[in-house]
Amino acid sequence: MEVLYGYGISSTLYLQMQYGYAQSWFAFVSTVADLRTTFLFFFPIWFHLQSAVGVKLIWVAVVGDWLNLILKWLMFGQRPYWWVRETVYYGNSTVPQIKQFPMTCETGPGSPSGHAMGAAGVSYAMVTSLLPILQGSDPVKSWCLQGFLWTLFWGVQVCVSLSRIFIAAHFPHQVIAGVVTGIAVAKAFNSVSWIYSASLKGYVHTILCLLFVVLGLYALLDAASIDPYWSLIKAQKWCIKSEWVHLDTTPFAGLLRNTGALFGLGLSLNLPIQGDMEKNMSWANNAIYRLTCTAATLPLLSLLDSFRPPTSTQALFYLLSFSKSATVPLTTISFVPYCIRTFVNVYQRIKVQ
C-alpha cells in the first residue's frame, strides 16, 4: 500500500509542477464537483424540466454520499497532504514537498473520493436521463448524440479526478474507486421506481435507516477502540492553515446535510399544496411556467447558500445544516411554484375586473 501511496504523491507532485498555472481551474472543478452544486443548481433545473429526474438526482446524491461515508470508515484511506508528512516510505531520501490549498484539508478518510463519486453518480444519472429525451428517429444523429454526451461525461470525470489529485486531497486509486462506485450507485437507481411515489413515511423510514446504520458503524468502531474521527485529528495536525479545516467537511456534517435534503424532498412532494398543483396539469406542462420557476428558484437558493451555520456549537451547527438542506427542495418544489401561481391568479383577476 505504501508503494501505491508513493506513486500517488509522485502524481500530485507532477501535476503541481507541470500544471501549476491551472491552479484556479482545478479549484473551480473541485468546487463544482461538490454535491452542493447538485442540490442548488442541477436539482432545481431538472425538477422543473422533468420532475422524476430531479427526484432521482437527490436520491443518487444522498445515498451515494451515505455509502461513501460507510466505505471511508471501513477502508481507512489516507490523504496525500498528511500521509507524506508521516510516512517512513522515503527513508533517508528527501520527502516530496507538495502544496496545500484552501480545499485540500478535507477531514474525512480518503477512500473513495467523495467528489469523484458524487460527480460520477450525478452526471451518469443526468446523461442516462437526457439520452431518451434527445434521441430521435435518425440513427446517425442518435449515435453522434450518444458519443458527445458520453465523451462529455468522461471528460468531467477526468477533470474532477485530476483536480482532486492536484490539490493533494486524494490519491489516484481513490478517485478511480470513487468514479466506479458513483456509476454503480446511479445505475442501481435507474432500475428503482418506488422513489417517485414514496410517501413521507417512507422518506422518514429511509432517513432513520441511513442514520442508524451510520451510528451503528460508529459504535462498532468505537467498541473496537478505533476512533472514527482519527482523520480529523490528522487534518488538524498537518493542514498548514487551521482555517482551512472546516467542520462542514466532517462525516456527520455531510450525513445530516444530505438527509436534510432528502427529508425536504419527501416533505415537499407530499404536502397538500403539491397535490393541488399537480391536479392542474396545464400549469405543470407550460414551458413559460417551468422556466419562470427555474429562474426564480436559482437566485433564491444562491441566497440561501450564502447563510453559513455558526460552528461555535456543534449541535446547533448540525441542526441548522439539516434545516438549511431541507429548505432547498421545499423552496424548489413548493414555495416558488406556489408564489408564482398565486401572483398569476391575482393578476388575472385584476385583469378581468
Protein backbone atom coordinates (compact mmCIF):
# COMPACT_ATOMS: atom_id res chain seq x y z
CA MET A 1 0.00 0.00 0.00
CA GLU A 2 2.88 2.35 0.75
CA VAL A 3 4.13 1.91 -2.83
CA LEU A 4 0.70 2.86 -4.15
CA TYR A 5 0.64 5.93 -1.93
CA GLY A 6 4.16 6.81 -3.07
CA TYR A 7 3.04 6.67 -6.71
CA GLY A 8 0.12 8.91 -5.79
CA ILE A 9 2.41 11.51 -4.25
CA SER A 10 4.52 11.46 -7.41
CA SER A 11 1.36 12.08 -9.46
CA THR A 12 0.36 15.03 -7.26
CA LEU A 13 3.87 16.49 -7.43
CA TYR A 14 3.95 16.12 -11.22
CA LEU A 15 0.60 17.88 -11.67
CA GLN A 16 1.55 20.69 -9.31
CA MET A 17 4.90 21.27 -11.03
CA GLN A 18 3.80 20.88 -14.64
CA TYR A 19 0.31 22.40 -14.43
CA GLY A 20 0.64 24.92 -11.62
CA TYR A 21 -0.72 27.59 -13.95
CA ALA A 22 -4.07 25.74 -13.95
CA GLN A 23 -4.50 26.03 -10.18
CA SER A 24 -7.61 28.23 -10.48
CA TRP A 25 -9.16 25.77 -12.96
CA PHE A 26 -8.59 22.78 -10.70
CA ALA A 27 -10.01 24.71 -7.73
CA PHE A 28 -13.08 25.61 -9.79
CA VAL A 29 -13.63 21.99 -10.85
CA SER A 30 -13.41 20.77 -7.24
CA THR A 31 -15.93 23.42 -6.21
CA VAL A 32 -18.40 22.49 -8.95
CA ALA A 33 -17.96 18.76 -8.21
CA ASP A 34 -19.24 19.27 -4.67
CA LEU A 35 -22.76 17.92 -4.06
CA ARG A 36 -23.82 21.46 -3.15
CA THR A 37 -23.90 22.12 -6.91
CA THR A 38 -26.34 19.23 -7.38
CA PHE A 39 -28.71 20.49 -4.70
CA LEU A 40 -28.57 24.18 -5.64
CA PHE A 41 -28.26 24.00 -9.43
CA PHE A 42 -28.85 20.65 -11.14
CA PHE A 43 -31.79 19.59 -8.98
CA PRO A 44 -33.99 22.71 -9.46
CA ILE A 45 -33.31 22.82 -13.20
CA TRP A 46 -34.09 19.16 -13.71
CA PHE A 47 -37.09 19.15 -11.39
CA HIS A 48 -38.81 21.90 -13.37
CA LEU A 49 -37.75 20.30 -16.66
CA GLN A 50 -38.66 16.72 -15.72
CA SER A 51 -39.55 16.21 -12.08
CA ALA A 52 -38.71 12.47 -11.97
CA VAL A 53 -35.10 13.18 -12.93
CA GLY A 54 -34.83 15.84 -10.24
CA VAL A 55 -36.10 13.37 -7.65
CA LYS A 56 -33.60 10.74 -8.83
CA LEU A 57 -30.70 13.19 -8.60
CA ILE A 58 -31.42 13.82 -4.92
CA TRP A 59 -31.63 10.11 -4.17
CA VAL A 60 -28.43 9.32 -6.08
CA ALA A 61 -26.56 12.15 -4.36
CA VAL A 62 -27.79 11.33 -0.85
CA VAL A 63 -27.46 7.54 -0.95
CA GLY A 64 -24.16 7.79 -2.82
CA ASP A 65 -22.67 10.13 -0.22
CA TRP A 66 -24.01 7.92 2.58
CA LEU A 67 -22.32 4.90 1.01
CA ASN A 68 -19.16 6.97 0.59
CA LEU A 69 -19.14 7.66 4.33
CA ILE A 70 -19.57 3.96 5.14
CA LEU A 71 -16.75 2.96 2.79
CA LYS A 72 -14.43 5.65 4.13
CA TRP A 73 -14.85 4.44 7.68
CA LEU A 74 -14.25 0.83 6.60
CA MET A 75 -11.28 1.44 4.26
CA PHE A 76 -9.24 3.86 6.43
CA GLY A 77 -7.87 5.65 3.38
CA GLN A 78 -5.04 8.14 3.87
CA ARG A 79 -4.88 11.56 2.23
CA PRO A 80 -1.76 12.83 0.44
CA TYR A 81 -1.35 16.04 2.44
CA TRP A 82 -0.98 14.20 5.75
CA TRP A 83 0.43 10.84 4.58
CA VAL A 84 3.52 12.48 3.05
CA ARG A 85 4.26 14.15 6.39
CA GLU A 86 4.01 10.96 8.45
CA THR A 87 5.29 8.13 6.26
CA VAL A 88 8.67 6.44 6.57
CA TYR A 89 8.38 5.28 2.97
CA TYR A 90 11.05 7.71 1.76
CA GLY A 91 13.57 6.69 4.42
CA ASN A 92 16.64 8.93 4.22
CA SER A 93 15.54 10.36 0.88
CA THR A 94 14.13 13.85 0.53
CA VAL A 95 10.42 13.93 1.27
CA PRO A 96 8.45 15.50 -1.62
CA GLN A 97 7.14 18.96 -0.82
CA ILE A 98 3.57 19.08 -2.10
CA LYS A 99 1.48 22.22 -1.91
CA GLN A 100 -1.73 22.64 0.04
CA PHE A 101 -4.70 24.78 -0.96
CA PRO A 102 -7.86 26.02 0.82
CA MET A 103 -9.76 22.95 -0.48
CA THR A 104 -7.01 20.47 0.40
CA CYS A 105 -7.78 19.91 4.06
CA GLU A 106 -10.74 17.54 3.89
CA THR A 107 -11.28 15.95 7.30
CA GLY A 108 -12.70 12.53 6.43
CA PRO A 109 -10.73 9.43 5.37
CA GLY A 110 -9.62 9.49 1.75
CA SER A 111 -11.00 6.39 0.07
CA PRO A 112 -13.06 6.50 -2.05
CA SER A 113 -13.15 10.11 -3.21
CA GLY A 114 -16.50 11.69 -2.35
CA HIS A 115 -16.16 14.39 -5.02
CA ALA A 116 -15.35 11.86 -7.74
CA MET A 117 -18.10 9.54 -6.55
CA GLY A 118 -20.73 12.29 -6.39
CA ALA A 119 -19.76 13.78 -9.75
CA ALA A 120 -19.81 10.38 -11.44
CA GLY A 121 -23.14 9.33 -9.93
CA VAL A 122 -24.97 12.58 -10.60
CA SER A 123 -23.59 13.11 -14.11
CA TYR A 124 -24.30 9.47 -15.04
CA ALA A 125 -27.88 9.89 -13.86
CA MET A 126 -28.23 13.08 -15.93
CA VAL A 127 -26.72 11.60 -19.09
CA THR A 128 -28.84 8.44 -18.96
CA SER A 129 -31.94 10.58 -18.35
CA LEU A 130 -31.08 13.03 -21.12
CA LEU A 131 -30.46 10.46 -23.85
CA PRO A 132 -34.10 9.22 -24.16
CA ILE A 133 -35.31 12.83 -24.28
CA LEU A 134 -32.98 13.95 -27.08
CA GLN A 135 -32.81 10.81 -29.20
CA GLY A 136 -34.75 10.93 -32.45
CA SER A 137 -35.54 8.57 -35.30
CA ASP A 138 -32.29 9.30 -37.15
CA PRO A 139 -29.76 6.61 -36.05
CA VAL A 140 -26.76 8.70 -37.16
CA LYS A 141 -27.82 11.69 -35.08
CA SER A 142 -28.61 9.43 -32.14
CA TRP A 143 -25.16 7.83 -32.36
CA CYS A 144 -23.48 11.25 -32.55
CA LEU A 145 -25.52 12.49 -29.60
CA GLN A 146 -24.60 9.48 -27.50
CA GLY A 147 -20.94 9.89 -28.43
CA PHE A 148 -20.97 13.58 -27.48
CA LEU A 149 -22.72 13.06 -24.12
CA TRP A 150 -20.54 10.14 -23.07
CA THR A 151 -17.40 11.99 -24.15
CA LEU A 152 -18.57 14.94 -22.06
CA PHE A 153 -19.30 12.59 -19.16
CA TRP A 154 -15.83 11.04 -19.16
CA GLY A 155 -14.24 14.46 -19.69
CA VAL A 156 -15.92 15.64 -16.50
CA GLN A 157 -14.68 12.58 -14.59
CA VAL A 158 -11.10 13.13 -15.76
CA CYS A 159 -11.20 16.82 -14.80
CA VAL A 160 -12.67 16.11 -11.36
CA SER A 161 -10.19 13.31 -10.70
CA LEU A 162 -7.20 15.41 -11.74
CA SER A 163 -8.38 18.33 -9.64
CA ARG A 164 -8.61 16.17 -6.51
CA ILE A 165 -5.13 14.77 -7.13
CA PHE A 166 -3.70 18.22 -7.90
CA ILE A 167 -4.86 19.80 -4.65
CA ALA A 168 -3.48 16.78 -2.69
CA ALA A 169 -6.87 15.77 -1.33
CA HIS A 170 -6.80 12.27 -2.87
CA PHE A 171 -4.58 9.61 -4.36
CA PRO A 172 -5.25 8.39 -7.94
CA HIS A 173 -6.64 5.00 -6.86
CA GLN A 174 -9.11 6.78 -4.55
CA VAL A 175 -10.63 8.88 -7.33
CA ILE A 176 -10.85 5.83 -9.61
CA ALA A 177 -12.69 3.96 -6.85
CA GLY A 178 -14.97 6.95 -6.43
CA VAL A 179 -15.88 7.11 -10.12
CA VAL A 180 -16.61 3.37 -10.33
CA THR A 181 -18.72 3.37 -7.16
CA GLY A 182 -20.61 6.51 -8.18
CA ILE A 183 -21.57 4.97 -11.52
CA ALA A 184 -22.70 1.80 -9.74
CA VAL A 185 -24.99 3.79 -7.44
CA ALA A 186 -26.51 5.72 -10.37
CA LYS A 187 -27.03 2.50 -12.38
CA ALA A 188 -28.82 0.96 -9.39
CA PHE A 189 -31.26 3.87 -9.21
CA ASN A 190 -32.00 3.62 -12.93
CA SER A 191 -33.96 0.47 -12.10
CA VAL A 192 -35.65 1.77 -8.93
CA SER A 193 -39.17 3.14 -9.38
CA TRP A 194 -40.65 3.36 -5.87
CA ILE A 195 -38.77 6.58 -5.07
CA TYR A 196 -41.10 8.52 -7.39
CA SER A 197 -44.21 7.62 -5.41
CA ALA A 198 -42.76 7.26 -1.90
CA SER A 199 -44.83 8.67 0.96
CA LEU A 200 -43.47 10.99 3.63
CA LYS A 201 -43.49 7.99 5.97
CA GLY A 202 -41.29 6.12 3.51
CA TYR A 203 -38.86 9.04 3.37
CA VAL A 204 -38.68 9.24 7.16
CA HIS A 205 -38.09 5.50 7.48
CA THR A 206 -35.32 5.70 4.87
CA ILE A 207 -33.64 8.60 6.65
CA LEU A 208 -33.80 6.81 10.00
CA CYS A 209 -32.33 3.69 8.41
CA LEU A 210 -29.43 5.67 6.95
CA LEU A 211 -28.78 7.36 10.29
CA PHE A 212 -28.98 4.15 12.34
CA VAL A 213 -26.57 2.30 10.04
CA VAL A 214 -24.01 5.10 10.39
CA LEU A 215 -24.49 5.33 14.16
CA GLY A 216 -24.22 1.55 14.41
CA LEU A 217 -20.95 1.52 12.49
CA TYR A 218 -19.68 4.40 14.60
CA ALA A 219 -20.47 2.41 17.77
CA LEU A 220 -18.75 -0.72 16.40
CA LEU A 221 -15.60 1.24 15.53
CA ASP A 222 -15.61 2.88 18.94
CA ALA A 223 -16.09 -0.51 20.65
CA ALA A 224 -13.09 -1.82 18.68
CA SER A 225 -11.02 1.08 20.08
CA ILE A 226 -10.91 2.74 16.66
CA ASP A 227 -11.54 6.47 16.72
CA PRO A 228 -13.98 7.20 13.84
CA TYR A 229 -12.61 10.75 13.83
CA TRP A 230 -8.96 9.72 13.50
CA SER A 231 -8.74 11.53 10.17
CA LEU A 232 -9.96 14.80 11.70
CA ILE A 233 -7.04 14.70 14.13
CA LYS A 234 -4.61 14.24 11.23
CA ALA A 235 -6.24 17.09 9.30
CA GLN A 236 -5.93 19.46 12.24
CA LYS A 237 -2.32 18.40 12.77
CA TRP A 238 -0.98 18.58 9.23
CA CYS A 239 -3.04 21.27 7.48
CA ILE A 240 -0.73 24.27 7.14
CA LYS A 241 -3.54 26.71 7.96
CA SER A 242 -6.06 25.92 10.70
CA GLU A 243 -8.79 27.98 9.00
CA TRP A 244 -8.74 25.55 6.07
CA VAL A 245 -10.09 22.77 8.31
CA HIS A 246 -13.87 23.16 8.19
CA LEU A 247 -16.50 21.47 10.35
CA ASP A 248 -18.77 21.05 7.34
CA THR A 249 -16.34 18.51 5.80
CA THR A 250 -16.70 16.11 8.73
CA PRO A 251 -18.64 12.86 8.16
CA PHE A 252 -21.64 13.72 10.36
CA ALA A 253 -21.95 17.20 8.84
CA GLY A 254 -22.29 15.67 5.38
CA LEU A 255 -24.68 12.99 6.63
CA LEU A 256 -27.07 15.49 8.23
CA ARG A 257 -26.80 17.85 5.29
CA ASN A 258 -27.77 15.08 2.86
CA THR A 259 -30.55 13.56 4.98
CA GLY A 260 -31.91 17.08 5.40
CA ALA A 261 -32.20 17.40 1.64
CA LEU A 262 -33.91 14.01 1.43
CA PHE A 263 -36.37 14.97 4.18
CA GLY A 264 -37.14 18.25 2.45
CA LEU A 265 -37.78 16.37 -0.80
CA GLY A 266 -40.17 13.92 0.85
CA LEU A 267 -41.99 16.67 2.74
CA SER A 268 -42.43 18.95 -0.26
CA LEU A 269 -43.61 16.14 -2.56
CA ASN A 270 -46.25 15.08 -0.03
CA LEU A 271 -47.60 18.48 1.01
CA PRO A 272 -51.30 19.04 0.25
CA ILE A 273 -50.39 22.12 -1.76
CA GLN A 274 -48.24 19.98 -4.04
CA GLY A 275 -51.17 17.66 -4.74
CA ASP A 276 -53.40 20.63 -5.58
CA MET A 277 -50.85 21.95 -8.08
CA GLU A 278 -50.48 18.56 -9.77
CA LYS A 279 -54.25 18.42 -10.39
CA ASN A 280 -53.97 21.32 -12.79
CA MET A 281 -51.61 19.83 -15.37
CA SER A 282 -51.95 22.86 -17.66
CA TRP A 283 -49.65 24.67 -15.26
CA ALA A 284 -47.11 21.88 -14.99
CA ASN A 285 -46.89 21.44 -18.76
CA ASN A 286 -46.48 25.14 -19.50
CA ALA A 287 -42.93 25.85 -20.69
CA ILE A 288 -43.03 29.50 -19.63
CA TYR A 289 -44.20 28.48 -16.16
CA ARG A 290 -41.36 25.98 -15.84
CA LEU A 291 -38.74 28.48 -17.00
CA THR A 292 -40.12 31.10 -14.63
CA CYS A 293 -39.96 28.69 -11.71
CA THR A 294 -36.38 27.80 -12.58
CA ALA A 295 -35.32 31.43 -13.00
CA ALA A 296 -36.89 32.37 -9.67
CA THR A 297 -35.55 29.35 -7.77
CA LEU A 298 -31.86 29.59 -8.65
CA PRO A 299 -31.19 33.06 -7.14
CA LEU A 300 -33.22 32.20 -4.04
CA LEU A 301 -31.16 29.06 -3.47
CA SER A 302 -27.98 31.03 -4.07
CA LEU A 303 -29.08 33.47 -1.39
CA LEU A 304 -29.87 30.56 0.93
CA ASP A 305 -26.43 29.08 0.32
CA SER A 306 -24.80 32.32 1.47
CA PHE A 307 -26.04 31.55 5.00
CA ARG A 308 -23.37 29.68 6.96
CA PRO A 309 -24.44 27.99 10.21
CA PRO A 310 -22.27 29.05 13.18
CA THR A 311 -19.65 26.47 14.12
CA SER A 312 -19.21 27.54 17.74
CA THR A 313 -21.67 24.87 18.90
CA GLN A 314 -21.58 21.57 17.03
CA ALA A 315 -25.16 20.54 17.90
CA LEU A 316 -26.52 23.86 16.63
CA PHE A 317 -24.35 23.63 13.52
CA TYR A 318 -25.65 20.16 12.67
CA LEU A 319 -29.28 21.17 13.31
CA LEU A 320 -29.04 24.27 11.13
CA SER A 321 -27.23 22.33 8.40
CA PHE A 322 -30.06 19.78 8.34
CA SER A 323 -32.69 22.54 8.25
CA LYS A 324 -30.88 24.53 5.59
CA SER A 325 -30.65 21.50 3.30
CA ALA A 326 -34.33 20.65 3.86
CA THR A 327 -35.22 24.17 2.73
CA VAL A 328 -33.72 23.61 -0.74
CA PRO A 329 -36.36 21.12 -2.03
CA LEU A 330 -39.13 22.98 -0.20
CA THR A 331 -38.15 26.19 -1.98
CA THR A 332 -37.83 24.47 -5.35
CA ILE A 333 -40.94 22.29 -5.29
CA SER A 334 -43.45 24.16 -3.13
CA PHE A 335 -42.59 27.76 -2.25
CA VAL A 336 -41.58 29.19 -5.63
CA PRO A 337 -44.31 27.46 -7.72
CA TYR A 338 -46.95 28.45 -5.15
CA CYS A 339 -45.84 32.10 -5.20
CA ILE A 340 -45.81 32.23 -9.00
CA ARG A 341 -49.23 30.61 -9.30
CA THR A 342 -50.65 32.96 -6.67
CA PHE A 343 -49.20 36.00 -8.44
CA VAL A 344 -50.58 34.93 -11.82
CA ASN A 345 -54.03 34.20 -10.36
CA VAL A 346 -54.17 37.61 -8.69
CA TYR A 347 -53.01 39.29 -11.91
CA GLN A 348 -55.68 37.51 -13.94
CA ARG A 349 -58.40 38.55 -11.52
CA ILE A 350 -57.30 42.17 -11.66
CA LYS A 351 -57.15 42.00 -15.44
CA VAL A 352 -60.74 40.63 -15.67
CA GLN A 353 -62.04 43.39 -13.44
